[in-house]
């Protein structure tokens, strides 16, 4: 059971959720049928490829820049405001690699979309 519990979490379910037992079987089947692809040379190569793709398309990656909030305009993310008070505008999209609590509680704050 301990082997499958983390895979269920990837589906957004907890071990106590009603469907978690079934999704564990679906994930097990998918891993058996297709395998679990691993990047040749390690995970760093995956990050390097993603970084190159972003830069190739005119994007920018910043590290060690704390984001205070996601700026919204017209119902969509249009940039970010850094803790330094600098605002970065996005022409197409904003990518966040944070937990849902960080995104909806801290970065979107009261401007977060309401659940349906």
N, C-alpha and C. Protein backbone atom coordinates (compact mmCIF):
# COMPACT_ATOMS: atom_id res chain seq x y z
N UNK A 1 0.81 -1.20 0.00
CA UNK A 1 0.00 0.00 0.00
C UNK A 1 0.86 1.26 0.00
N UNK A 2 1.97 1.22 0.70
CA UNK A 2 2.83 2.40 0.77
C UNK A 2 3.42 2.74 -0.60
N UNK A 3 3.58 1.75 -1.45
CA UNK A 3 4.12 1.99 -2.79
C UNK A 3 3.16 2.81 -3.63
N UNK A 4 1.86 2.58 -3.52
CA UNK A 4 0.87 3.22 -4.39
C UNK A 4 0.33 4.54 -3.86
N UNK A 5 0.41 4.76 -2.56
CA UNK A 5 -0.16 5.99 -1.98
C UNK A 5 0.38 7.27 -2.63
N UNK A 6 1.70 7.41 -2.86
CA UNK A 6 2.17 8.65 -3.49
C UNK A 6 1.63 8.85 -4.91
N UNK A 7 1.42 7.77 -5.64
CA UNK A 7 0.90 7.90 -7.01
C UNK A 7 -0.53 8.42 -6.98
N UNK A 8 -1.30 8.02 -5.99
CA UNK A 8 -2.67 8.52 -5.85
C UNK A 8 -2.65 10.03 -5.60
N UNK A 9 -1.69 10.50 -4.82
CA UNK A 9 -1.58 11.93 -4.53
C UNK A 9 -1.33 12.73 -5.80
N UNK A 10 -0.62 12.15 -6.78
CA UNK A 10 -0.39 12.84 -8.05
C UNK A 10 -1.69 13.10 -8.79
N UNK A 11 -2.71 12.33 -8.51
CA UNK A 11 -4.01 12.51 -9.15
C UNK A 11 -4.88 13.50 -8.38
N UNK A 12 -4.33 14.09 -7.33
CA UNK A 12 -5.08 15.06 -6.54
C UNK A 12 -5.99 14.44 -5.50
N UNK A 13 -5.83 13.16 -5.26
CA UNK A 13 -6.64 12.46 -4.27
C UNK A 13 -5.79 12.09 -3.06
N UNK A 14 -6.42 11.99 -1.92
CA UNK A 14 -5.74 11.51 -0.73
C UNK A 14 -6.05 10.03 -0.53
N UNK A 15 -5.27 9.34 0.28
CA UNK A 15 -5.50 7.91 0.51
C UNK A 15 -6.89 7.60 1.06
N UNK A 16 -7.53 8.56 1.70
CA UNK A 16 -8.85 8.33 2.29
C UNK A 16 -10.00 8.66 1.33
N UNK A 17 -9.72 9.25 0.17
CA UNK A 17 -10.77 9.58 -0.79
C UNK A 17 -11.38 8.32 -1.37
N UNK A 18 -12.69 8.39 -1.64
CA UNK A 18 -13.43 7.22 -2.10
C UNK A 18 -12.86 6.60 -3.37
N UNK A 19 -12.42 7.41 -4.30
CA UNK A 19 -11.97 6.89 -5.59
C UNK A 19 -10.48 6.54 -5.61
N UNK A 20 -9.76 6.80 -4.51
CA UNK A 20 -8.31 6.61 -4.51
C UNK A 20 -7.91 5.16 -4.79
N UNK A 21 -8.68 4.20 -4.33
CA UNK A 21 -8.37 2.79 -4.60
C UNK A 21 -8.46 2.48 -6.08
N UNK A 22 -9.45 3.04 -6.76
CA UNK A 22 -9.61 2.80 -8.19
C UNK A 22 -8.54 3.53 -9.01
N UNK A 23 -8.23 4.77 -8.63
CA UNK A 23 -7.23 5.52 -9.39
C UNK A 23 -5.86 4.87 -9.24
N UNK A 24 -5.60 4.27 -8.09
CA UNK A 24 -4.34 3.55 -7.90
C UNK A 24 -4.23 2.41 -8.92
N UNK A 25 -5.35 1.73 -9.17
CA UNK A 25 -5.35 0.64 -10.16
C UNK A 25 -5.15 1.19 -11.57
N UNK A 26 -5.76 2.32 -11.87
CA UNK A 26 -5.59 2.95 -13.19
C UNK A 26 -4.12 3.34 -13.40
N UNK A 27 -3.53 3.93 -12.38
CA UNK A 27 -2.13 4.34 -12.48
C UNK A 27 -1.23 3.12 -12.62
N UNK A 28 -1.50 2.08 -11.84
CA UNK A 28 -0.70 0.85 -11.95
C UNK A 28 -0.80 0.27 -13.35
N UNK A 29 -2.00 0.26 -13.91
CA UNK A 29 -2.18 -0.26 -15.27
C UNK A 29 -1.40 0.59 -16.28
N UNK A 30 -1.48 1.92 -16.15
CA UNK A 30 -0.76 2.80 -17.07
C UNK A 30 0.74 2.59 -16.98
N UNK A 31 1.27 2.43 -15.78
CA UNK A 31 2.70 2.19 -15.62
C UNK A 31 3.10 0.85 -16.23
N UNK A 32 2.25 -0.14 -16.06
CA UNK A 32 2.52 -1.46 -16.64
C UNK A 32 2.47 -1.41 -18.16
N UNK A 33 1.48 -0.70 -18.70
CA UNK A 33 1.29 -0.65 -20.15
C UNK A 33 2.31 0.23 -20.86
N UNK A 34 2.62 1.37 -20.28
CA UNK A 34 3.47 2.34 -20.98
C UNK A 34 4.82 2.56 -20.32
N UNK A 35 4.97 2.12 -19.09
CA UNK A 35 6.21 2.35 -18.38
C UNK A 35 6.26 3.74 -17.78
N UNK A 36 7.33 4.01 -17.10
CA UNK A 36 7.54 5.32 -16.50
C UNK A 36 8.78 5.91 -17.16
N UNK A 37 8.57 6.81 -18.11
CA UNK A 37 9.72 7.36 -18.82
C UNK A 37 10.66 8.12 -17.89
N UNK A 38 11.93 7.90 -18.11
CA UNK A 38 12.96 8.58 -17.33
C UNK A 38 13.87 9.28 -18.32
N UNK A 39 14.20 10.52 -18.05
CA UNK A 39 15.03 11.31 -18.95
C UNK A 39 16.45 10.77 -18.93
N UNK A 40 17.00 10.54 -20.11
CA UNK A 40 18.37 10.06 -20.22
C UNK A 40 19.32 11.13 -19.66
N UNK A 41 20.15 10.74 -18.73
CA UNK A 41 21.07 11.67 -18.12
C UNK A 41 20.55 12.29 -16.84
N UNK A 42 19.30 12.00 -16.47
CA UNK A 42 18.77 12.50 -15.20
C UNK A 42 17.81 13.67 -15.35
N UNK A 43 17.19 14.02 -14.25
CA UNK A 43 16.16 15.05 -14.23
C UNK A 43 16.70 16.42 -14.62
N UNK A 44 17.98 16.66 -14.39
CA UNK A 44 18.56 17.96 -14.77
C UNK A 44 18.41 18.20 -16.27
N UNK A 45 18.50 17.15 -17.06
CA UNK A 45 18.35 17.30 -18.51
C UNK A 45 16.93 17.70 -18.89
N UNK A 46 15.95 17.22 -18.13
CA UNK A 46 14.57 17.63 -18.37
C UNK A 46 14.41 19.12 -18.10
N UNK A 47 14.96 19.58 -16.98
CA UNK A 47 14.88 21.00 -16.65
C UNK A 47 15.62 21.86 -17.66
N UNK A 48 16.77 21.38 -18.12
CA UNK A 48 17.55 22.14 -19.11
C UNK A 48 16.77 22.25 -20.43
N UNK A 49 16.10 21.17 -20.83
CA UNK A 49 15.32 21.19 -22.06
C UNK A 49 14.13 22.14 -21.92
N UNK A 50 13.46 22.12 -20.78
CA UNK A 50 12.32 23.00 -20.54
C UNK A 50 12.78 24.46 -20.53
N UNK A 51 13.91 24.72 -19.89
CA UNK A 51 14.48 26.07 -19.86
C UNK A 51 14.81 26.55 -21.26
N UNK A 52 15.42 25.69 -22.07
CA UNK A 52 15.76 26.07 -23.44
C UNK A 52 14.52 26.36 -24.26
N UNK A 53 13.47 25.58 -24.07
CA UNK A 53 12.21 25.78 -24.78
C UNK A 53 11.59 27.13 -24.42
N UNK A 54 11.59 27.47 -23.15
CA UNK A 54 11.04 28.75 -22.69
C UNK A 54 11.83 29.90 -23.29
N UNK A 55 13.15 29.83 -23.21
CA UNK A 55 13.99 30.91 -23.73
C UNK A 55 13.90 31.02 -25.25
N UNK A 56 13.79 29.89 -25.93
CA UNK A 56 13.67 29.87 -27.39
C UNK A 56 12.42 30.63 -27.85
N UNK A 57 11.40 30.60 -27.02
CA UNK A 57 10.14 31.27 -27.36
C UNK A 57 10.02 32.65 -26.72
N UNK A 58 11.15 33.19 -26.27
CA UNK A 58 11.16 34.55 -25.74
C UNK A 58 10.82 34.69 -24.28
N UNK A 59 10.69 33.56 -23.58
CA UNK A 59 10.36 33.61 -22.16
C UNK A 59 11.58 33.89 -21.31
N UNK A 60 11.33 34.13 -20.06
CA UNK A 60 12.40 34.44 -19.12
C UNK A 60 12.19 33.64 -17.84
N UNK A 61 13.25 33.13 -17.29
CA UNK A 61 13.19 32.40 -16.03
C UNK A 61 13.97 33.21 -15.00
N UNK A 62 13.35 33.47 -13.88
CA UNK A 62 14.02 34.16 -12.79
C UNK A 62 14.04 33.24 -11.58
N UNK A 63 15.16 33.22 -10.90
CA UNK A 63 15.27 32.46 -9.66
C UNK A 63 15.60 33.42 -8.54
N UNK A 64 15.33 33.00 -7.33
CA UNK A 64 15.58 33.82 -6.15
C UNK A 64 14.87 35.18 -6.23
N UNK A 65 13.70 35.19 -6.83
CA UNK A 65 12.88 36.40 -6.93
C UNK A 65 11.51 36.04 -6.35
N UNK A 66 11.27 36.42 -5.11
CA UNK A 66 10.01 36.06 -4.45
C UNK A 66 8.84 36.80 -5.09
N UNK A 67 7.84 36.04 -5.51
CA UNK A 67 6.65 36.61 -6.12
C UNK A 67 5.65 36.96 -5.02
N UNK A 68 5.24 38.20 -4.99
CA UNK A 68 4.27 38.66 -3.98
C UNK A 68 2.85 38.35 -4.42
N UNK A 69 2.57 38.49 -5.74
CA UNK A 69 1.22 38.21 -6.23
C UNK A 69 1.23 38.02 -7.74
N UNK A 70 0.19 37.34 -8.20
CA UNK A 70 -0.04 37.20 -9.64
C UNK A 70 -0.94 38.35 -10.05
N UNK A 71 -0.52 39.10 -11.06
CA UNK A 71 -1.30 40.23 -11.57
C UNK A 71 -2.31 39.69 -12.57
N UNK A 72 -3.56 40.12 -12.44
CA UNK A 72 -4.61 39.65 -13.34
C UNK A 72 -5.21 40.82 -14.11
N UNK A 73 -5.59 40.52 -15.35
CA UNK A 73 -6.23 41.52 -16.19
C UNK A 73 -7.18 40.80 -17.13
N UNK A 74 -8.41 41.23 -17.18
CA UNK A 74 -9.38 40.60 -18.07
C UNK A 74 -9.65 39.15 -17.74
N UNK A 75 -9.56 38.79 -16.46
CA UNK A 75 -9.87 37.42 -16.05
C UNK A 75 -8.75 36.43 -16.28
N UNK A 76 -7.54 36.91 -16.57
CA UNK A 76 -6.42 35.98 -16.78
C UNK A 76 -5.16 36.55 -16.15
N UNK A 77 -4.19 35.67 -15.90
CA UNK A 77 -2.91 36.12 -15.36
C UNK A 77 -2.18 36.91 -16.43
N UNK A 78 -1.74 38.10 -16.06
CA UNK A 78 -1.05 38.94 -17.04
C UNK A 78 0.37 39.29 -16.61
N UNK A 79 0.78 38.79 -15.46
CA UNK A 79 2.12 39.04 -14.98
C UNK A 79 2.25 38.71 -13.51
N UNK A 80 3.37 39.11 -12.93
CA UNK A 80 3.58 38.91 -11.50
C UNK A 80 4.19 40.17 -10.89
N UNK A 81 3.88 40.37 -9.62
CA UNK A 81 4.51 41.46 -8.87
C UNK A 81 5.47 40.81 -7.89
N UNK A 82 6.74 41.18 -7.95
CA UNK A 82 7.74 40.62 -7.07
C UNK A 82 7.71 41.30 -5.71
N UNK A 83 8.29 40.65 -4.73
CA UNK A 83 8.36 41.23 -3.38
C UNK A 83 9.17 42.52 -3.40
N UNK A 84 10.06 42.68 -4.39
CA UNK A 84 10.85 43.90 -4.52
C UNK A 84 10.03 45.05 -5.10
N UNK A 85 8.76 44.80 -5.41
CA UNK A 85 7.80 45.72 -6.00
C UNK A 85 7.94 45.87 -7.51
N UNK A 86 8.85 45.10 -8.11
CA UNK A 86 8.98 45.10 -9.57
C UNK A 86 7.83 44.28 -10.15
N UNK A 87 7.23 44.77 -11.23
CA UNK A 87 6.16 44.04 -11.91
C UNK A 87 6.67 43.54 -13.25
N UNK A 88 6.46 42.26 -13.49
CA UNK A 88 6.84 41.64 -14.75
C UNK A 88 5.57 41.31 -15.52
N UNK A 89 5.47 41.76 -16.76
CA UNK A 89 4.29 41.50 -17.58
C UNK A 89 4.53 40.28 -18.46
N UNK A 90 3.48 39.53 -18.70
CA UNK A 90 3.55 38.35 -19.55
C UNK A 90 2.72 38.60 -20.81
N UNK A 91 3.25 38.21 -21.96
CA UNK A 91 2.49 38.38 -23.19
C UNK A 91 1.55 37.21 -23.43
N UNK A 92 1.94 36.01 -22.98
CA UNK A 92 1.10 34.84 -23.22
C UNK A 92 0.63 34.17 -21.94
N UNK A 93 1.56 33.86 -21.05
CA UNK A 93 1.16 33.09 -19.87
C UNK A 93 2.12 33.29 -18.71
N UNK A 94 1.64 32.88 -17.54
CA UNK A 94 2.43 32.87 -16.32
C UNK A 94 2.43 31.42 -15.84
N UNK A 95 3.59 30.88 -15.60
CA UNK A 95 3.70 29.49 -15.12
C UNK A 95 4.08 29.53 -13.65
N UNK A 96 3.29 28.86 -12.83
CA UNK A 96 3.55 28.80 -11.39
C UNK A 96 3.87 27.37 -10.99
N UNK A 97 4.92 27.19 -10.26
CA UNK A 97 5.26 25.87 -9.72
C UNK A 97 5.15 25.96 -8.20
N UNK A 98 3.90 26.01 -7.75
CA UNK A 98 3.61 26.17 -6.32
C UNK A 98 2.45 25.25 -5.95
N UNK A 99 2.22 25.13 -4.66
CA UNK A 99 1.09 24.33 -4.20
C UNK A 99 -0.22 25.11 -4.43
N UNK A 100 -1.35 24.42 -4.48
CA UNK A 100 -2.63 25.13 -4.62
C UNK A 100 -2.85 26.15 -3.51
N UNK A 101 -2.42 25.84 -2.29
CA UNK A 101 -2.59 26.77 -1.18
C UNK A 101 -1.78 28.04 -1.42
N UNK A 102 -0.57 27.90 -1.93
CA UNK A 102 0.25 29.08 -2.23
C UNK A 102 -0.39 29.90 -3.35
N UNK A 103 -0.86 29.21 -4.39
CA UNK A 103 -1.44 29.91 -5.53
C UNK A 103 -2.72 30.64 -5.16
N UNK A 104 -3.68 29.91 -4.60
CA UNK A 104 -4.99 30.51 -4.33
C UNK A 104 -5.02 31.32 -3.04
N UNK A 105 -4.21 30.97 -2.06
CA UNK A 105 -4.23 31.69 -0.80
C UNK A 105 -3.32 32.89 -0.78
N UNK A 106 -2.13 32.75 -1.35
CA UNK A 106 -1.15 33.83 -1.25
C UNK A 106 -1.01 34.63 -2.53
N UNK A 107 -0.82 33.96 -3.66
CA UNK A 107 -0.49 34.67 -4.90
C UNK A 107 -1.71 35.31 -5.56
N UNK A 108 -2.85 34.64 -5.52
CA UNK A 108 -4.05 35.22 -6.11
C UNK A 108 -4.86 35.97 -5.06
N UNK A 109 -4.75 35.55 -3.80
CA UNK A 109 -5.43 36.22 -2.70
C UNK A 109 -6.92 36.35 -2.93
N UNK A 110 -7.45 37.52 -2.67
CA UNK A 110 -8.90 37.72 -2.83
C UNK A 110 -9.33 37.78 -4.27
N UNK A 111 -8.37 37.86 -5.21
CA UNK A 111 -8.72 37.86 -6.64
C UNK A 111 -8.84 36.45 -7.21
N UNK A 112 -8.65 35.42 -6.35
CA UNK A 112 -8.74 34.03 -6.81
C UNK A 112 -10.14 33.74 -7.32
N UNK A 113 -10.25 32.96 -8.41
CA UNK A 113 -11.58 32.62 -8.92
C UNK A 113 -12.33 31.77 -7.88
N UNK A 114 -13.61 32.00 -7.77
CA UNK A 114 -14.42 31.26 -6.83
C UNK A 114 -14.72 29.88 -7.38
N UNK A 115 -14.78 28.88 -6.49
CA UNK A 115 -15.11 27.52 -6.90
C UNK A 115 -16.56 27.48 -7.36
N UNK A 116 -16.79 26.69 -8.39
CA UNK A 116 -18.15 26.58 -8.93
C UNK A 116 -19.03 25.74 -8.03
